[in-house]
Amino acid sequence: MNITASYELTVVIPIFSQEESLPELFSALEKYKNKSTHRFCVLFVDDASTDKSLTLIRDHCAKVQDAFYISLLRRNGISGALKAGLLHTFSENVGYLDPEIKLDPLQFEKLFAKLPDAGMVCGERDFSKNRSLRHYVAKIASLIRRSITHDGLKDALSPVKLAKTELLKKLPWFSGMHYLMPALMILSGNRVNSVIIESYGRRTSMRRHSSLCELLALLCDLLIFMWMRCRYIDPAVGEGNLKQK
């Protein structure tokens, strides 16, 4: 057990070669610290960045209290970096923040209000006024995902999530599961709530994957989810004679 156990919330942020956007992210997190009603720390997970991201993270954590980091030896993707962060998290609650999306981390306050009766809360963006091609592709992907997972979420790529650490650690992990964390939480018998959040575009204009590639990846992940759901086992014990000594 490490120092994160002394906090109410650990915000895990996967980072891969994002040196240009890190200063803005650091500033937003510091502002949140001054307004948050929950004692939290930040855990940066450097996913084998090829630029100066690790140097910037290391320097930031050396200067700022309640900021920590781990660095992975090889690239694992978002889901792998999240798992690494989760394995090193021992606070009661754990949060996920997408470093590429511009949003106020204070949005976590909205999520906390919905957490008491749920295992996870997702922050959903309002795309009602977005008419871009990417929006329509994302809308189609969301319809496909919801028809299979029944998670009820319109924003498949929710940029901010909050969950109870113990429950999240029990979920099966595989590449691409960050899309399906809410569905897996529901499959394990836990409730998932959602709240509308405000986002302000991306921190950088560079996109790592095309809309088509993301759609194909999501379809593959959904096939895996369908296979898992058919074979999911959750034994319910009726009685026994095990006693504590």
C-alpha atoms as a PDB file:
ATOM      1  CA  MET A   1       0.000   0.000   0.000  1.00  0.00           C
ATOM      2  CA  ASN A   2       1.376   3.404  -0.977  1.00  0.00           C
ATOM      3  CA  ILE A   3       0.702   7.062  -0.145  1.00  0.00           C
ATOM      4  CA  THR A   4      -2.481   7.216  -2.252  1.00  0.00           C
ATOM      5  CA  ALA A   5      -4.280   5.380   0.571  1.00  0.00           C
ATOM      6  CA  SER A   6      -4.334   8.617   2.586  1.00  0.00           C
ATOM      7  CA  TYR A   7      -6.470  10.393  -0.037  1.00  0.00           C
ATOM      8  CA  GLU A   8     -10.190  10.274  -0.771  1.00  0.00           C
ATOM      9  CA  LEU A   9      -9.604  10.281  -4.521  1.00  0.00           C
ATOM     10  CA  THR A  10      -6.763   9.403  -6.858  1.00  0.00           C
ATOM     11  CA  VAL A  11      -7.084  10.877 -10.357  1.00  0.00           C
ATOM     12  CA  VAL A  12      -5.261   8.601 -12.809  1.00  0.00           C
ATOM     13  CA  ILE A  13      -4.127  10.317 -16.024  1.00  0.00           C
ATOM     14  CA  PRO A  14      -2.497   8.246 -18.806  1.00  0.00           C
ATOM     15  CA  ILE A  15       0.057  10.265 -20.769  1.00  0.00           C
ATOM     16  CA  PHE A  16       1.637   9.423 -24.114  1.00  0.00           C
ATOM     17  CA  SER A  17       3.820  12.046 -25.821  1.00  0.00           C
ATOM     18  CA  GLN A  18       1.754  15.097 -24.868  1.00  0.00           C
ATOM     19  CA  GLU A  19       4.422  17.590 -23.863  1.00  0.00           C
ATOM     20  CA  GLU A  20       2.652  20.489 -25.627  1.00  0.00           C
ATOM     21  CA  SER A  21      -0.563  20.119 -23.640  1.00  0.00           C
ATOM     22  CA  LEU A  22       0.899  19.233 -20.232  1.00  0.00           C
ATOM     23  CA  PRO A  23       1.445  22.799 -18.902  1.00  0.00           C
ATOM     24  CA  GLU A  24      -2.234  23.612 -19.462  1.00  0.00           C
ATOM     25  CA  LEU A  25      -3.250  20.338 -17.813  1.00  0.00           C
ATOM     26  CA  PHE A  26      -0.995  21.006 -14.802  1.00  0.00           C
ATOM     27  CA  SER A  27      -2.545  24.459 -14.384  1.00  0.00           C
ATOM     28  CA  ALA A  28      -6.111  23.103 -14.527  1.00  0.00           C
ATOM     29  CA  LEU A  29      -5.341  20.487 -11.875  1.00  0.00           C
ATOM     30  CA  GLU A  30      -3.818  23.075  -9.539  1.00  0.00           C
ATOM     31  CA  LYS A  31      -6.934  25.238  -9.851  1.00  0.00           C
ATOM     32  CA  TYR A  32      -9.067  22.223  -8.997  1.00  0.00           C
ATOM     33  CA  LYS A  33      -7.001  21.579  -5.887  1.00  0.00           C
ATOM     34  CA  ASN A  34      -7.942  25.005  -4.540  1.00  0.00           C
ATOM     35  CA  LYS A  35     -11.674  24.435  -5.074  1.00  0.00           C
ATOM     36  CA  SER A  36     -12.185  20.717  -4.480  1.00  0.00           C
ATOM     37  CA  THR A  37     -14.250  19.567  -1.500  1.00  0.00           C
ATOM     38  CA  HIS A  38     -12.481  16.185  -1.567  1.00  0.00           C
ATOM     39  CA  ARG A  39      -8.860  15.492  -0.704  1.00  0.00           C
ATOM     40  CA  PHE A  40      -7.333  14.131  -3.877  1.00  0.00           C
ATOM     41  CA  CYS A  41      -4.018  13.336  -5.492  1.00  0.00           C
ATOM     42  CA  VAL A  42      -3.018  12.938  -9.121  1.00  0.00           C
ATOM     43  CA  LEU A  43      -1.221   9.901 -10.503  1.00  0.00           C
ATOM     44  CA  PHE A  44       0.317  10.449 -13.928  1.00  0.00           C
ATOM     45  CA  VAL A  45       1.055   7.257 -15.851  1.00  0.00           C
ATOM     46  CA  ASP A  46       3.643   7.871 -18.560  1.00  0.00           C
ATOM     47  CA  ASP A  47       2.969   5.291 -21.261  1.00  0.00           C
ATOM     48  CA  ALA A  48       6.548   5.124 -22.608  1.00  0.00           C
ATOM     49  CA  SER A  49       6.379   8.605 -24.158  1.00  0.00           C
ATOM     50  CA  THR A  50       8.832   9.385 -26.944  1.00  0.00           C
ATOM     51  CA  ASP A  51       9.004  13.156 -26.295  1.00  0.00           C
ATOM     52  CA  LYS A  52       9.753  15.196 -23.136  1.00  0.00           C
ATOM     53  CA  SER A  53       6.503  14.293 -21.379  1.00  0.00           C
ATOM     54  CA  LEU A  54       8.185  12.175 -18.706  1.00  0.00           C
ATOM     55  CA  THR A  55      10.676  14.955 -17.914  1.00  0.00           C
ATOM     56  CA  LEU A  56       7.867  17.491 -17.540  1.00  0.00           C
ATOM     57  CA  ILE A  57       5.846  15.114 -15.354  1.00  0.00           C
ATOM     58  CA  ARG A  58       8.835  14.309 -13.181  1.00  0.00           C
ATOM     59  CA  ASP A  59       9.647  18.001 -12.681  1.00  0.00           C
ATOM     60  CA  HIS A  60       6.005  18.821 -11.939  1.00  0.00           C
ATOM     61  CA  CYS A  61       5.688  16.071  -9.312  1.00  0.00           C
ATOM     62  CA  ALA A  62       8.919  17.219  -7.666  1.00  0.00           C
ATOM     63  CA  LYS A  63       7.497  20.713  -7.192  1.00  0.00           C
ATOM     64  CA  VAL A  64       3.824  20.045  -6.520  1.00  0.00           C
ATOM     65  CA  GLN A  65       2.392  18.357  -3.465  1.00  0.00           C
ATOM     66  CA  ASP A  66      -0.164  15.591  -4.054  1.00  0.00           C
ATOM     67  CA  ALA A  67       1.184  14.842  -7.545  1.00  0.00           C
ATOM     68  CA  PHE A  68       2.790  11.458  -8.258  1.00  0.00           C
ATOM     69  CA  TYR A  69       3.872   9.477 -11.305  1.00  0.00           C
ATOM     70  CA  ILE A  70       4.888   6.083 -12.600  1.00  0.00           C
ATOM     71  CA  SER A  71       6.591   5.399 -15.919  1.00  0.00           C
ATOM     72  CA  LEU A  72       5.948   2.281 -17.988  1.00  0.00           C
ATOM     73  CA  LEU A  73       8.842   0.536 -19.709  1.00  0.00           C
ATOM     74  CA  ARG A  74       6.894  -0.062 -22.927  1.00  0.00           C
ATOM     75  CA  ARG A  75       3.746   1.240 -24.599  1.00  0.00           C
ATOM     76  CA  ASN A  76       0.542  -0.340 -23.292  1.00  0.00           C
ATOM     77  CA  GLY A  77      -2.198   1.947 -24.636  1.00  0.00           C
ATOM     78  CA  ILE A  78      -4.828   3.774 -22.596  1.00  0.00           C
ATOM     79  CA  SER A  79      -6.307   0.645 -21.027  1.00  0.00           C
ATOM     80  CA  GLY A  80      -2.873  -0.711 -20.074  1.00  0.00           C
ATOM     81  CA  ALA A  81      -1.824   2.608 -18.567  1.00  0.00           C
ATOM     82  CA  LEU A  82      -5.102   2.802 -16.637  1.00  0.00           C
ATOM     83  CA  LYS A  83      -4.569  -0.695 -15.262  1.00  0.00           C
ATOM     84  CA  ALA A  84      -1.049   0.206 -14.156  1.00  0.00           C
ATOM     85  CA  GLY A  85      -2.387   3.306 -12.428  1.00  0.00           C
ATOM     86  CA  LEU A  86      -5.213   1.371 -10.796  1.00  0.00           C
ATOM     87  CA  LEU A  87      -2.811  -1.261  -9.447  1.00  0.00           C
ATOM     88  CA  HIS A  88      -0.914   1.552  -7.731  1.00  0.00           C
ATOM     89  CA  THR A  89      -4.059   3.230  -6.351  1.00  0.00           C
ATOM     90  CA  PHE A  90      -5.288   2.547  -2.815  1.00  0.00           C
ATOM     91  CA  SER A  91      -7.636   5.449  -2.166  1.00  0.00           C
ATOM     92  CA  GLU A  92     -11.332   4.706  -1.690  1.00  0.00           C
ATOM     93  CA  ASN A  93     -12.204   6.285  -5.035  1.00  0.00           C
ATOM     94  CA  VAL A  94     -10.390   6.517  -8.338  1.00  0.00           C
ATOM     95  CA  GLY A  95     -10.952   8.918 -11.200  1.00  0.00           C
ATOM     96  CA  TYR A  96      -9.963   8.932 -14.858  1.00  0.00           C
ATOM     97  CA  LEU A  97      -9.247  12.125 -16.772  1.00  0.00           C
ATOM     98  CA  ASP A  98      -8.562  12.246 -20.510  1.00  0.00           C
ATOM     99  CA  PRO A  99      -5.541  14.563 -20.899  1.00  0.00           C
ATOM    100  CA  GLU A 100      -6.424  15.414 -24.515  1.00  0.00           C
ATOM    101  CA  ILE A 101      -9.840  16.900 -23.744  1.00  0.00           C
ATOM    102  CA  LYS A 102     -10.112  20.449 -22.403  1.00  0.00           C
ATOM    103  CA  LEU A 103     -12.357  20.402 -19.350  1.00  0.00           C
ATOM    104  CA  ASP A 104     -12.386  21.751 -15.827  1.00  0.00           C
ATOM    105  CA  PRO A 105     -11.356  18.982 -13.376  1.00  0.00           C
ATOM    106  CA  LEU A 106     -13.886  20.574 -11.018  1.00  0.00           C
ATOM    107  CA  GLN A 107     -16.388  18.455 -12.957  1.00  0.00           C
ATOM    108  CA  PHE A 108     -15.425  15.686 -10.524  1.00  0.00           C
ATOM    109  CA  GLU A 109     -17.608  17.469  -7.964  1.00  0.00           C
ATOM    110  CA  LYS A 110     -20.670  16.728 -10.134  1.00  0.00           C
ATOM    111  CA  LEU A 111     -19.657  13.085 -10.392  1.00  0.00           C
ATOM    112  CA  PHE A 112     -19.170  12.723  -6.625  1.00  0.00           C
ATOM    113  CA  ALA A 113     -22.785  13.789  -6.073  1.00  0.00           C
ATOM    114  CA  LYS A 114     -23.929  10.742  -8.082  1.00  0.00           C
ATOM    115  CA  LEU A 115     -21.463   8.201  -6.652  1.00  0.00           C
ATOM    116  CA  PRO A 116     -23.050   7.134  -3.316  1.00  0.00           C
ATOM    117  CA  ASP A 117     -25.589   4.818  -4.992  1.00  0.00           C
ATOM    118  CA  ALA A 118     -23.397   3.664  -7.883  1.00  0.00           C
ATOM    119  CA  GLY A 119     -20.167   1.851  -8.621  1.00  0.00           C
ATOM    120  CA  MET A 120     -19.203   4.321 -11.342  1.00  0.00           C
ATOM    121  CA  VAL A 121     -20.230   7.741 -12.618  1.00  0.00           C
ATOM    122  CA  CYS A 122     -19.426   8.930 -16.151  1.00  0.00           C
ATOM    123  CA  GLY A 123     -19.267  12.515 -17.345  1.00  0.00           C
ATOM    124  CA  GLU A 124     -21.021  12.832 -20.705  1.00  0.00           C
ATOM    125  CA  ARG A 125     -20.466  15.655 -23.191  1.00  0.00           C
ATOM    126  CA  ASP A 126     -23.367  17.352 -24.964  1.00  0.00           C
ATOM    127  CA  PHE A 127     -22.963  16.875 -28.725  1.00  0.00           C
ATOM    128  CA  SER A 128     -26.425  18.182 -29.676  1.00  0.00           C
ATOM    129  CA  LYS A 129     -24.966  21.181 -31.537  1.00  0.00           C
ATOM    130  CA  ASN A 130     -22.118  19.290 -33.192  1.00  0.00           C
ATOM    131  CA  ARG A 131     -22.718  18.574 -36.876  1.00  0.00           C
ATOM    132  CA  SER A 132     -19.274  17.405 -37.969  1.00  0.00           C
ATOM    133  CA  LEU A 133     -18.627  14.149 -39.840  1.00  0.00           C
ATOM    134  CA  ARG A 134     -16.765  12.821 -36.817  1.00  0.00           C
ATOM    135  CA  HIS A 135     -19.832  13.524 -34.674  1.00  0.00           C
ATOM    136  CA  TYR A 136     -22.057  11.419 -36.932  1.00  0.00           C
ATOM    137  CA  VAL A 137     -19.556   8.552 -36.947  1.00  0.00           C
ATOM    138  CA  ALA A 138     -19.395   8.747 -33.152  1.00  0.00           C
ATOM    139  CA  LYS A 139     -23.195   8.776 -32.966  1.00  0.00           C
ATOM    140  CA  ILE A 140     -23.418   5.607 -35.057  1.00  0.00           C
ATOM    141  CA  ALA A 141     -20.756   3.942 -32.892  1.00  0.00           C
ATOM    142  CA  SER A 142     -22.675   4.967 -29.764  1.00  0.00           C
ATOM    143  CA  LEU A 143     -25.914   3.453 -31.070  1.00  0.00           C
ATOM    144  CA  ILE A 144     -24.152   0.183 -31.881  1.00  0.00           C
ATOM    145  CA  ARG A 145     -22.459   0.097 -28.492  1.00  0.00           C
ATOM    146  CA  ARG A 146     -25.636   0.820 -26.520  1.00  0.00           C
ATOM    147  CA  SER A 147     -27.643  -1.785 -28.448  1.00  0.00           C
ATOM    148  CA  ILE A 148     -25.131  -4.423 -27.349  1.00  0.00           C
ATOM    149  CA  THR A 149     -24.014  -3.301 -23.886  1.00  0.00           C
ATOM    150  CA  HIS A 150     -27.243  -1.614 -22.701  1.00  0.00           C
ATOM    151  CA  ASP A 151     -25.138   0.804 -20.661  1.00  0.00           C
ATOM    152  CA  GLY A 152     -27.396   3.741 -21.575  1.00  0.00           C
ATOM    153  CA  LEU A 153     -24.490   6.125 -22.213  1.00  0.00           C
ATOM    154  CA  LYS A 154     -24.472   8.388 -25.260  1.00  0.00           C
ATOM    155  CA  ASP A 155     -20.819   9.414 -24.884  1.00  0.00           C
ATOM    156  CA  ALA A 156     -18.737   6.300 -25.549  1.00  0.00           C
ATOM    157  CA  LEU A 157     -15.503   8.207 -24.899  1.00  0.00           C
ATOM    158  CA  SER A 158     -16.477   9.846 -21.638  1.00  0.00           C
ATOM    159  CA  PRO A 159     -13.387  11.975 -20.816  1.00  0.00           C
ATOM    160  CA  VAL A 160     -13.943  11.884 -17.063  1.00  0.00           C
ATOM    161  CA  LYS A 161     -15.021   8.964 -14.897  1.00  0.00           C
ATOM    162  CA  LEU A 162     -15.247   8.327 -11.175  1.00  0.00           C
ATOM    163  CA  ALA A 163     -15.494   4.898  -9.558  1.00  0.00           C
ATOM    164  CA  LYS A 164     -15.083   3.027  -6.318  1.00  0.00           C
ATOM    165  CA  THR A 165     -11.567   1.629  -6.466  1.00  0.00           C
ATOM    166  CA  GLU A 166     -12.345  -1.814  -5.048  1.00  0.00           C
ATOM    167  CA  LEU A 167     -15.085  -2.444  -7.620  1.00  0.00           C
ATOM    168  CA  LEU A 168     -13.016  -1.220 -10.559  1.00  0.00           C
ATOM    169  CA  LYS A 169     -10.104  -3.466  -9.607  1.00  0.00           C
ATOM    170  CA  LYS A 170     -12.374  -6.512  -9.801  1.00  0.00           C
ATOM    171  CA  LEU A 171     -13.248  -5.934 -13.469  1.00  0.00           C
ATOM    172  CA  PRO A 172     -11.537  -8.016 -16.178  1.00  0.00           C
ATOM    173  CA  TRP A 173      -8.958  -5.936 -18.063  1.00  0.00           C
ATOM    174  CA  PHE A 174      -8.004  -6.106 -21.712  1.00  0.00           C
ATOM    175  CA  SER A 175      -6.816  -3.750 -24.435  1.00  0.00           C
ATOM    176  CA  GLY A 176      -9.526  -1.266 -25.365  1.00  0.00           C
ATOM    177  CA  MET A 177     -11.634  -1.826 -22.238  1.00  0.00           C
ATOM    178  CA  HIS A 178     -11.665   1.882 -21.360  1.00  0.00           C
ATOM    179  CA  TYR A 179     -14.577   2.112 -23.829  1.00  0.00           C
ATOM    180  CA  LEU A 180     -16.402  -0.645 -21.961  1.00  0.00           C
ATOM    181  CA  MET A 181     -15.698   0.045 -18.285  1.00  0.00           C
ATOM    182  CA  PRO A 182     -19.316   1.165 -17.656  1.00  0.00           C
ATOM    183  CA  ALA A 183     -20.719  -1.934 -19.400  1.00  0.00           C
ATOM    184  CA  LEU A 184     -18.412  -4.222 -17.444  1.00  0.00           C
ATOM    185  CA  MET A 185     -19.370  -2.469 -14.204  1.00  0.00           C
ATOM    186  CA  ILE A 186     -23.051  -3.133 -14.973  1.00  0.00           C
ATOM    187  CA  LEU A 187     -22.291  -6.733 -15.949  1.00  0.00           C
ATOM    188  CA  SER A 188     -20.700  -7.265 -12.524  1.00  0.00           C
ATOM    189  CA  GLY A 189     -23.937  -6.149 -10.840  1.00  0.00           C
ATOM    190  CA  ASN A 190     -23.136  -2.523 -10.070  1.00  0.00           C
ATOM    191  CA  ARG A 191     -24.996   0.631 -11.043  1.00  0.00           C
ATOM    192  CA  VAL A 192     -23.556   3.249 -13.396  1.00  0.00           C
ATOM    193  CA  ASN A 193     -24.751   6.860 -13.261  1.00  0.00           C
ATOM    194  CA  SER A 194     -23.992   9.717 -15.626  1.00  0.00           C
ATOM    195  CA  VAL A 195     -23.972  13.520 -15.545  1.00  0.00           C
ATOM    196  CA  ILE A 196     -23.641  16.127 -18.280  1.00  0.00           C
ATOM    197  CA  ILE A 197     -20.303  17.948 -18.204  1.00  0.00           C
ATOM    198  CA  GLU A 198     -18.823  20.889 -20.078  1.00  0.00           C
ATOM    199  CA  SER A 199     -15.863  20.360 -22.386  1.00  0.00           C
ATOM    200  CA  TYR A 200     -13.980  22.864 -24.523  1.00  0.00           C
ATOM    201  CA  GLY A 201     -12.527  20.903 -27.414  1.00  0.00           C
ATOM    202  CA  ARG A 202      -9.093  19.298 -27.537  1.00  0.00           C
ATOM    203  CA  ARG A 203      -5.821  20.495 -26.043  1.00  0.00           C
ATOM    204  CA  THR A 204      -4.028  19.651 -29.269  1.00  0.00           C
ATOM    205  CA  SER A 205      -5.183  19.516 -32.883  1.00  0.00           C
ATOM    206  CA  MET A 206      -3.308  16.258 -33.508  1.00  0.00           C
ATOM    207  CA  ARG A 207      -5.441  13.119 -33.563  1.00  0.00           C
ATOM    208  CA  ARG A 208      -3.787   9.768 -32.957  1.00  0.00           C
ATOM    209  CA  HIS A 209      -6.446   7.666 -34.707  1.00  0.00           C
ATOM    210  CA  SER A 210      -8.974   8.226 -37.478  1.00  0.00           C
ATOM    211  CA  SER A 211     -12.712   7.945 -36.824  1.00  0.00           C
ATOM    212  CA  LEU A 212     -12.859   4.788 -38.969  1.00  0.00           C
ATOM    213  CA  CYS A 213     -10.029   3.135 -37.022  1.00  0.00           C
ATOM    214  CA  GLU A 214     -11.742   3.954 -33.727  1.00  0.00           C
ATOM    215  CA  LEU A 215     -15.040   2.544 -35.007  1.00  0.00           C
ATOM    216  CA  LEU A 216     -13.390  -0.709 -36.122  1.00  0.00           C
ATOM    217  CA  ALA A 217     -11.579  -1.006 -32.783  1.00  0.00           C
ATOM    218  CA  LEU A 218     -14.848  -0.484 -30.916  1.00  0.00           C
ATOM    219  CA  LEU A 219     -16.563  -3.219 -32.959  1.00  0.00           C
ATOM    220  CA  CYS A 220     -13.768  -5.652 -32.093  1.00  0.00           C
ATOM    221  CA  ASP A 221     -14.059  -4.745 -28.418  1.00  0.00           C
ATOM    222  CA  LEU A 222     -17.815  -5.275 -28.537  1.00  0.00           C
ATOM    223  CA  LEU A 223     -17.308  -8.781 -29.914  1.00  0.00           C
ATOM    224  CA  ILE A 224     -15.032  -9.502 -26.951  1.00  0.00           C
ATOM    225  CA  PHE A 225     -17.631  -8.083 -24.582  1.00  0.00           C
ATOM    226  CA  MET A 226     -20.365 -10.267 -26.084  1.00  0.00           C
ATOM    227  CA  TRP A 227     -18.156 -13.335 -25.635  1.00  0.00           C
ATOM    228  CA  MET A 228     -17.461 -12.385 -21.999  1.00  0.00           C
ATOM    229  CA  ARG A 229     -21.125 -11.711 -21.240  1.00  0.00           C
ATOM    230  CA  CYS A 230     -22.120 -15.170 -22.503  1.00  0.00           C
ATOM    231  CA  ARG A 231     -19.544 -16.788 -20.222  1.00  0.00           C
ATOM    232  CA  TYR A 232     -19.688 -14.454 -17.229  1.00  0.00           C
ATOM    233  CA  ILE A 233     -19.771 -16.312 -13.894  1.00  0.00           C
ATOM    234  CA  ASP A 234     -20.999 -14.781 -10.635  1.00  0.00           C
ATOM    235  CA  PRO A 235     -21.602 -17.569  -8.082  1.00  0.00           C
ATOM    236  CA  ALA A 236     -24.071 -16.653  -5.307  1.00  0.00           C
ATOM    237  CA  VAL A 237     -23.467 -18.501  -2.011  1.00  0.00           C
ATOM    238  CA  GLY A 238     -26.588 -19.509  -0.110  1.00  0.00           C
ATOM    239  CA  GLU A 239     -25.093 -20.819   3.129  1.00  0.00           C
ATOM    240  CA  GLY A 240     -21.964 -22.333   4.645  1.00  0.00           C
ATOM    241  CA  ASN A 241     -20.250 -23.180   7.898  1.00  0.00           C
ATOM    242  CA  LEU A 242     -17.047 -21.158   7.534  1.00  0.00           C
ATOM    243  CA  LYS A 243     -16.317 -19.340  10.769  1.00  0.00           C
ATOM    244  CA  GLN A 244     -13.631 -16.874  11.771  1.00  0.00           C
ATOM    245  CA  LYS A 245     -11.195 -18.180  14.316  1.00  0.00           C
END
